[in-house]
Amino acid sequence: MDVGCYHPKKFSNTYMLYKKGWSGINIDMEEDKITLFDMVRPRDLNVLSPISDKEEEVTLYRYSKYGLGSTIDKKNCL
């Protein structure tokens, strides 16, 4: 399981397992990242969702189009 999965190949430890025939679960709250996982790693279950202890609608705040550090907490935005 890779939570906050970022990229299907780049800097990915789980990609090494995928290449050996494994499959797993990748979770990220950014749609473009999950879309890329769906294209590159179709054997995996790729889930578009933030992780929280609450069930509610949230707003995603991104620092860049395909980067690190997205948040659902507005006070943590730059």
PDB file of N, CA and C in Angstrom:
ATOM      1  N   MET A   1       0.853  -1.165   0.000  1.00  0.00           N
ATOM      2  CA  MET A   1       0.000   0.000   0.000  1.00  0.00           C
ATOM      3  C   MET A   1       0.898   1.228   0.000  1.00  0.00           C
ATOM      4  N   ASP A   2       0.580   2.156  -0.880  1.00  0.00           N
ATOM      5  CA  ASP A   2       1.346   3.391  -1.005  1.00  0.00           C
ATOM      6  C   ASP A   2       0.373   4.563  -0.836  1.00  0.00           C
ATOM      7  N   VAL A   3       0.435   5.225   0.307  1.00  0.00           N
ATOM      8  CA  VAL A   3      -0.452   6.355   0.610  1.00  0.00           C
ATOM      9  C   VAL A   3       0.303   7.639   0.299  1.00  0.00           C
ATOM     10  N   GLY A   4      -0.306   8.489  -0.542  1.00  0.00           N
ATOM     11  CA  GLY A   4       0.394   9.677  -1.028  1.00  0.00           C
ATOM     12  C   GLY A   4       1.380   9.252  -2.097  1.00  0.00           C
ATOM     13  N   CYS A   5       0.889   8.506  -3.065  1.00  0.00           N
ATOM     14  CA  CYS A   5       1.733   7.715  -3.968  1.00  0.00           C
ATOM     15  C   CYS A   5       2.589   8.519  -4.952  1.00  0.00           C
ATOM     16  N   TYR A   6       2.291   9.754  -5.216  1.00  0.00           N
ATOM     17  CA  TYR A   6       3.087  10.669  -6.044  1.00  0.00           C
ATOM     18  C   TYR A   6       3.241  10.254  -7.505  1.00  0.00           C
ATOM     19  N   HIS A   7       4.041   9.234  -7.814  1.00  0.00           N
ATOM     20  CA  HIS A   7       4.326   8.889  -9.211  1.00  0.00           C
ATOM     21  C   HIS A   7       4.463   7.375  -9.346  1.00  0.00           C
ATOM     22  N   PRO A   8       3.940   6.796 -10.450  1.00  0.00           N
ATOM     23  CA  PRO A   8       3.976   5.337 -10.585  1.00  0.00           C
ATOM     24  C   PRO A   8       5.366   4.730 -10.772  1.00  0.00           C
ATOM     25  N   LYS A   9       6.350   5.519 -11.200  1.00  0.00           N
ATOM     26  CA  LYS A   9       7.717   5.001 -11.393  1.00  0.00           C
ATOM     27  C   LYS A   9       8.762   5.822 -10.642  1.00  0.00           C
ATOM     28  N   LYS A  10       8.709   7.125 -10.807  1.00  0.00           N
ATOM     29  CA  LYS A  10       9.735   8.021 -10.276  1.00  0.00           C
ATOM     30  C   LYS A  10       9.763   7.995  -8.743  1.00  0.00           C
ATOM     31  N   PHE A  11      10.904   7.696  -8.158  1.00  0.00           N
ATOM     32  CA  PHE A  11      11.111   7.642  -6.703  1.00  0.00           C
ATOM     33  C   PHE A  11      10.181   6.630  -6.024  1.00  0.00           C
ATOM     34  N   SER A  12       9.754   5.590  -6.732  1.00  0.00           N
ATOM     35  CA  SER A  12       8.755   4.668  -6.214  1.00  0.00           C
ATOM     36  C   SER A  12       9.353   3.319  -5.835  1.00  0.00           C
ATOM     37  N   ASN A  13       9.354   3.017  -4.556  1.00  0.00           N
ATOM     38  CA  ASN A  13       9.783   1.689  -4.098  1.00  0.00           C
ATOM     39  C   ASN A  13       8.788   0.621  -4.531  1.00  0.00           C
ATOM     40  N   THR A  14       7.492   0.970  -4.556  1.00  0.00           N
ATOM     41  CA  THR A  14       6.480  -0.019  -4.923  1.00  0.00           C
ATOM     42  C   THR A  14       6.555  -0.384  -6.411  1.00  0.00           C
ATOM     43  N   TYR A  15       7.148   0.469  -7.236  1.00  0.00           N
ATOM     44  CA  TYR A  15       7.299   0.141  -8.653  1.00  0.00           C
ATOM     45  C   TYR A  15       8.233  -1.054  -8.847  1.00  0.00           C
ATOM     46  N   MET A  16       9.260  -1.153  -8.006  1.00  0.00           N
ATOM     47  CA  MET A  16      10.171  -2.304  -8.088  1.00  0.00           C
ATOM     48  C   MET A  16       9.400  -3.605  -7.832  1.00  0.00           C
ATOM     49  N   LEU A  17       8.484  -3.587  -6.872  1.00  0.00           N
ATOM     50  CA  LEU A  17       7.655  -4.760  -6.596  1.00  0.00           C
ATOM     51  C   LEU A  17       6.706  -5.031  -7.760  1.00  0.00           C
ATOM     52  N   TYR A  18       6.139  -3.970  -8.320  1.00  0.00           N
ATOM     53  CA  TYR A  18       5.217  -4.097  -9.464  1.00  0.00           C
ATOM     54  C   TYR A  18       5.923  -4.783 -10.637  1.00  0.00           C
ATOM     55  N   LYS A  19       7.170  -4.386 -10.894  1.00  0.00           N
ATOM     56  CA  LYS A  19       7.932  -4.985 -11.993  1.00  0.00           C
ATOM     57  C   LYS A  19       8.189  -6.471 -11.758  1.00  0.00           C
ATOM     58  N   LYS A  20       8.174  -6.916 -10.510  1.00  0.00           N
ATOM     59  CA  LYS A  20       8.371  -8.335 -10.183  1.00  0.00           C
ATOM     60  C   LYS A  20       7.057  -9.114 -10.174  1.00  0.00           C
ATOM     61  N   GLY A  21       5.946  -8.443 -10.565  1.00  0.00           N
ATOM     62  CA  GLY A  21       4.669  -9.124 -10.675  1.00  0.00           C
ATOM     63  C   GLY A  21       3.704  -8.857  -9.530  1.00  0.00           C
ATOM     64  N   TRP A  22       4.137  -8.129  -8.540  1.00  0.00           N
ATOM     65  CA  TRP A  22       3.258  -7.795  -7.413  1.00  0.00           C
ATOM     66  C   TRP A  22       2.226  -6.769  -7.863  1.00  0.00           C
ATOM     67  N   SER A  23       1.175  -6.654  -7.087  1.00  0.00           N
ATOM     68  CA  SER A  23       0.222  -5.553  -7.264  1.00  0.00           C
ATOM     69  C   SER A  23      -0.175  -5.063  -5.883  1.00  0.00           C
ATOM     70  N   GLY A  24      -0.695  -3.847  -5.821  1.00  0.00           N
ATOM     71  CA  GLY A  24      -1.020  -3.270  -4.533  1.00  0.00           C
ATOM     72  C   GLY A  24      -2.058  -2.174  -4.647  1.00  0.00           C
ATOM     73  N   ILE A  25      -2.110  -1.358  -3.625  1.00  0.00           N
ATOM     74  CA  ILE A  25      -3.072  -0.261  -3.543  1.00  0.00           C
ATOM     75  C   ILE A  25      -2.294   1.050  -3.466  1.00  0.00           C
ATOM     76  N   ASN A  26      -2.658   1.987  -4.328  1.00  0.00           N
ATOM     77  CA  ASN A  26      -2.057   3.320  -4.340  1.00  0.00           C
ATOM     78  C   ASN A  26      -3.152   4.339  -4.053  1.00  0.00           C
ATOM     79  N   ILE A  27      -2.887   5.235  -3.110  1.00  0.00           N
ATOM     80  CA  ILE A  27      -3.893   6.220  -2.712  1.00  0.00           C
ATOM     81  C   ILE A  27      -3.284   7.617  -2.805  1.00  0.00           C
ATOM     82  N   ASP A  28      -3.995   8.502  -3.475  1.00  0.00           N
ATOM     83  CA  ASP A  28      -3.594   9.910  -3.522  1.00  0.00           C
ATOM     84  C   ASP A  28      -4.844  10.756  -3.703  1.00  0.00           C
ATOM     85  N   MET A  29      -4.767  12.012  -3.295  1.00  0.00           N
ATOM     86  CA  MET A  29      -5.932  12.891  -3.391  1.00  0.00           C
ATOM     87  C   MET A  29      -5.894  13.783  -4.624  1.00  0.00           C
ATOM     88  N   GLU A  30      -4.897  13.592  -5.491  1.00  0.00           N
ATOM     89  CA  GLU A  30      -4.803  14.379  -6.713  1.00  0.00           C
ATOM     90  C   GLU A  30      -5.177  13.515  -7.918  1.00  0.00           C
ATOM     91  N   GLU A  31      -6.171  13.959  -8.654  1.00  0.00           N
ATOM     92  CA  GLU A  31      -6.721  13.182  -9.763  1.00  0.00           C
ATOM     93  C   GLU A  31      -5.695  12.883 -10.852  1.00  0.00           C
ATOM     94  N   ASP A  32      -4.840  13.861 -11.177  1.00  0.00           N
ATOM     95  CA  ASP A  32      -3.871  13.625 -12.254  1.00  0.00           C
ATOM     96  C   ASP A  32      -2.876  12.529 -11.874  1.00  0.00           C
ATOM     97  N   LYS A  33      -2.542  12.416 -10.607  1.00  0.00           N
ATOM     98  CA  LYS A  33      -1.626  11.357 -10.172  1.00  0.00           C
ATOM     99  C   LYS A  33      -2.287   9.985 -10.289  1.00  0.00           C
ATOM    100  N   ILE A  34      -3.524   9.869  -9.861  1.00  0.00           N
ATOM    101  CA  ILE A  34      -4.225   8.590  -9.948  1.00  0.00           C
ATOM    102  C   ILE A  34      -4.481   8.215 -11.412  1.00  0.00           C
ATOM    103  N   THR A  35      -4.765   9.186 -12.247  1.00  0.00           N
ATOM    104  CA  THR A  35      -4.940   8.921 -13.682  1.00  0.00           C
ATOM    105  C   THR A  35      -3.661   8.316 -14.267  1.00  0.00           C
ATOM    106  N   LEU A  36      -2.506   8.865 -13.896  1.00  0.00           N
ATOM    107  CA  LEU A  36      -1.229   8.335 -14.371  1.00  0.00           C
ATOM    108  C   LEU A  36      -0.994   6.918 -13.837  1.00  0.00           C
ATOM    109  N   PHE A  37      -1.316   6.674 -12.574  1.00  0.00           N
ATOM    110  CA  PHE A  37      -1.198   5.317 -12.024  1.00  0.00           C
ATOM    111  C   PHE A  37      -2.096   4.345 -12.789  1.00  0.00           C
ATOM    112  N   ASP A  38      -3.312   4.757 -13.108  1.00  0.00           N
ATOM    113  CA  ASP A  38      -4.226   3.895 -13.871  1.00  0.00           C
ATOM    114  C   ASP A  38      -3.626   3.512 -15.222  1.00  0.00           C
ATOM    115  N   MET A  39      -2.929   4.433 -15.863  1.00  0.00           N
ATOM    116  CA  MET A  39      -2.330   4.184 -17.177  1.00  0.00           C
ATOM    117  C   MET A  39      -1.092   3.297 -17.070  1.00  0.00           C
ATOM    118  N   VAL A  40      -0.227   3.572 -16.106  1.00  0.00           N
ATOM    119  CA  VAL A  40       1.072   2.905 -16.009  1.00  0.00           C
ATOM    120  C   VAL A  40       1.016   1.604 -15.201  1.00  0.00           C
ATOM    121  N   ARG A  41       0.141   1.536 -14.200  1.00  0.00           N
ATOM    122  CA  ARG A  41       0.085   0.362 -13.320  1.00  0.00           C
ATOM    123  C   ARG A  41      -1.348  -0.163 -13.204  1.00  0.00           C
ATOM    124  N   PRO A  42      -1.868  -0.726 -14.299  1.00  0.00           N
ATOM    125  CA  PRO A  42      -3.268  -1.153 -14.319  1.00  0.00           C
ATOM    126  C   PRO A  42      -3.592  -2.345 -13.413  1.00  0.00           C
ATOM    127  N   ARG A  43      -2.598  -3.138 -13.001  1.00  0.00           N
ATOM    128  CA  ARG A  43      -2.874  -4.259 -12.091  1.00  0.00           C
ATOM    129  C   ARG A  43      -3.144  -3.789 -10.664  1.00  0.00           C
ATOM    130  N   ASP A  44      -2.712  -2.593 -10.339  1.00  0.00           N
ATOM    131  CA  ASP A  44      -2.911  -2.038  -8.997  1.00  0.00           C
ATOM    132  C   ASP A  44      -4.326  -1.481  -8.842  1.00  0.00           C
ATOM    133  N   LEU A  45      -4.771  -1.399  -7.606  1.00  0.00           N
ATOM    134  CA  LEU A  45      -5.996  -0.671  -7.280  1.00  0.00           C
ATOM    135  C   LEU A  45      -5.567   0.746  -6.943  1.00  0.00           C
ATOM    136  N   ASN A  46      -6.005   1.723  -7.736  1.00  0.00           N
ATOM    137  CA  ASN A  46      -5.589   3.110  -7.581  1.00  0.00           C
ATOM    138  C   ASN A  46      -6.782   3.933  -7.107  1.00  0.00           C
ATOM    139  N   VAL A  47      -6.641   4.529  -5.932  1.00  0.00           N
ATOM    140  CA  VAL A  47      -7.761   5.163  -5.248  1.00  0.00           C
ATOM    141  C   VAL A  47      -7.545   6.671  -5.155  1.00  0.00           C
ATOM    142  N   LEU A  48      -8.529   7.426  -5.621  1.00  0.00           N
ATOM    143  CA  LEU A  48      -8.521   8.889  -5.520  1.00  0.00           C
ATOM    144  C   LEU A  48      -9.270   9.284  -4.254  1.00  0.00           C
ATOM    145  N   SER A  49      -8.518   9.654  -3.215  1.00  0.00           N
ATOM    146  CA  SER A  49      -9.150  10.020  -1.943  1.00  0.00           C
ATOM    147  C   SER A  49      -8.112  10.579  -0.981  1.00  0.00           C
ATOM    148  N   PRO A  50      -8.493  11.596  -0.201  1.00  0.00           N
ATOM    149  CA  PRO A  50      -7.639  11.964   0.928  1.00  0.00           C
ATOM    150  C   PRO A  50      -7.843  10.934   2.044  1.00  0.00           C
ATOM    151  N   ILE A  51      -6.906  10.858   2.953  1.00  0.00           N
ATOM    152  CA  ILE A  51      -7.006   9.950   4.098  1.00  0.00           C
ATOM    153  C   ILE A  51      -7.331  10.787   5.329  1.00  0.00           C
ATOM    154  N   SER A  52      -8.367  10.383   6.039  1.00  0.00           N
ATOM    155  CA  SER A  52      -8.806  11.161   7.198  1.00  0.00           C
ATOM    156  C   SER A  52      -9.568  10.256   8.155  1.00  0.00           C
ATOM    157  N   ASP A  53      -9.751  10.743   9.360  1.00  0.00           N
ATOM    158  CA  ASP A  53     -10.591  10.028  10.321  1.00  0.00           C
ATOM    159  C   ASP A  53     -12.037  10.522  10.260  1.00  0.00           C
ATOM    160  N   LYS A  54     -12.334  11.437   9.308  1.00  0.00           N
ATOM    161  CA  LYS A  54     -13.685  11.977   9.137  1.00  0.00           C
ATOM    162  C   LYS A  54     -14.157  11.727   7.713  1.00  0.00           C
ATOM    163  N   GLU A  55     -15.460  11.585   7.559  1.00  0.00           N
ATOM    164  CA  GLU A  55     -16.042  11.500   6.225  1.00  0.00           C
ATOM    165  C   GLU A  55     -16.721  12.830   5.931  1.00  0.00           C
ATOM    166  N   GLU A  56     -16.112  13.595   5.010  1.00  0.00           N
ATOM    167  CA  GLU A  56     -16.631  14.908   4.661  1.00  0.00           C
ATOM    168  C   GLU A  56     -16.041  15.333   3.322  1.00  0.00           C
ATOM    169  N   GLU A  57     -16.690  16.290   2.669  1.00  0.00           N
ATOM    170  CA  GLU A  57     -16.117  16.873   1.464  1.00  0.00           C
ATOM    171  C   GLU A  57     -15.046  17.869   1.876  1.00  0.00           C
ATOM    172  N   VAL A  58     -13.957  17.884   1.112  1.00  0.00           N
ATOM    173  CA  VAL A  58     -12.851  18.786   1.412  1.00  0.00           C
ATOM    174  C   VAL A  58     -12.419  19.510   0.144  1.00  0.00           C
ATOM    175  N   THR A  59     -11.686  20.581   0.321  1.00  0.00           N
ATOM    176  CA  THR A  59     -11.089  21.320  -0.781  1.00  0.00           C
ATOM    177  C   THR A  59      -9.608  20.988  -0.816  1.00  0.00           C
ATOM    178  N   LEU A  60      -9.097  20.729  -2.004  1.00  0.00           N
ATOM    179  CA  LEU A  60      -7.686  20.411  -2.193  1.00  0.00           C
ATOM    180  C   LEU A  60      -6.922  21.686  -2.527  1.00  0.00           C
ATOM    181  N   TYR A  61      -5.837  21.929  -1.806  1.00  0.00           N
ATOM    182  CA  TYR A  61      -4.956  23.060  -2.065  1.00  0.00           C
ATOM    183  C   TYR A  61      -3.629  22.496  -2.558  1.00  0.00           C
ATOM    184  N   ARG A  62      -3.217  22.954  -3.753  1.00  0.00           N
ATOM    185  CA  ARG A  62      -2.003  22.424  -4.370  1.00  0.00           C
ATOM    186  C   ARG A  62      -0.954  23.517  -4.494  1.00  0.00           C
ATOM    187  N   TYR A  63       0.292  23.146  -4.250  1.00  0.00           N
ATOM    188  CA  TYR A  63       1.402  24.084  -4.402  1.00  0.00           C
ATOM    189  C   TYR A  63       1.860  24.175  -5.851  1.00  0.00           C
ATOM    190  N   SER A  64       1.678  23.095  -6.606  1.00  0.00           N
ATOM    191  CA  SER A  64       2.032  23.075  -8.026  1.00  0.00           C
ATOM    192  C   SER A  64       1.194  22.016  -8.725  1.00  0.00           C
ATOM    193  N   LYS A  65       1.219  22.009 -10.059  1.00  0.00           N
ATOM    194  CA  LYS A  65       0.355  21.105 -10.820  1.00  0.00           C
ATOM    195  C   LYS A  65       0.615  19.634 -10.511  1.00  0.00           C
ATOM    196  N   TYR A  66       1.836  19.201 -10.470  1.00  0.00           N
ATOM    197  CA  TYR A  66       2.153  17.801 -10.183  1.00  0.00           C
ATOM    198  C   TYR A  66       3.349  17.790  -9.248  1.00  0.00           C
ATOM    199  N   GLY A  67       3.107  18.202  -8.036  1.00  0.00           N
ATOM    200  CA  GLY A  67       4.224  18.304  -7.108  1.00  0.00           C
ATOM    201  C   GLY A  67       3.948  17.617  -5.794  1.00  0.00           C
ATOM    202  N   LEU A  68       4.743  17.975  -4.837  1.00  0.00           N
ATOM    203  CA  LEU A  68       4.615  17.440  -3.486  1.00  0.00           C
ATOM    204  C   LEU A  68       3.955  18.473  -2.592  1.00  0.00           C
ATOM    205  N   GLY A  69       3.356  18.016  -1.537  1.00  0.00           N
ATOM    206  CA  GLY A  69       2.888  18.935  -0.512  1.00  0.00           C
ATOM    207  C   GLY A  69       1.471  19.444  -0.655  1.00  0.00           C
ATOM    208  N   SER A  70       0.625  18.775  -1.388  1.00  0.00           N
ATOM    209  CA  SER A  70      -0.779  19.186  -1.435  1.00  0.00           C
ATOM    210  C   SER A  70      -1.403  18.985  -0.062  1.00  0.00           C
ATOM    211  N   THR A  71      -2.457  19.749   0.206  1.00  0.00           N
ATOM    212  CA  THR A  71      -3.073  19.689   1.526  1.00  0.00           C
ATOM    213  C   THR A  71      -4.580  19.940   1.430  1.00  0.00           C
ATOM    214  N   ILE A  72      -5.285  19.548   2.467  1.00  0.00           N
ATOM    215  CA  ILE A  72      -6.696  19.901   2.597  1.00  0.00           C
ATOM    216  C   ILE A  72      -6.872  20.920   3.709  1.00  0.00           C
ATOM    217  N   ASP A  73      -5.769  21.337   4.311  1.00  0.00           N
ATOM    218  CA  ASP A  73      -5.794  22.290   5.416  1.00  0.00           C
ATOM    219  C   ASP A  73      -5.343  23.659   4.906  1.00  0.00           C
ATOM    220  N   LYS A  74      -6.296  24.574   4.742  1.00  0.00           N
ATOM    221  CA  LYS A  74      -6.008  25.883   4.139  1.00  0.00           C
ATOM    222  C   LYS A  74      -4.915  26.640   4.890  1.00  0.00           C
ATOM    223  N   LYS A  75      -4.829  26.500   6.195  1.00  0.00           N
ATOM    224  CA  LYS A  75      -3.819  27.242   6.961  1.00  0.00           C
ATOM    225  C   LYS A  75      -2.403  26.748   6.682  1.00  0.00           C
ATOM    226  N   ASN A  76      -2.266  25.584   6.030  1.00  0.00           N
ATOM    227  CA  ASN A  76      -0.951  25.086   5.663  1.00  0.00           C
ATOM    228  C   ASN A  76      -0.535  25.481   4.247  1.00  0.00           C
ATOM    229  N   CYS A  77      -1.349  26.295   3.578  1.00  0.00           N
ATOM    230  CA  CYS A  77      -1.024  26.764   2.221  1.00  0.00           C
ATOM    231  C   CYS A  77      -0.013  27.879   2.279  1.00  0.00           C
ATOM    232  N   LEU A  78       0.772  27.958   1.234  1.00  0.00           N
ATOM    233  CA  LEU A  78       1.759  29.042   1.115  1.00  0.00           C
ATOM    234  C   LEU A  78       1.104  30.306   0.634  1.00  0.00           C
TER     235      LEU A  78
END
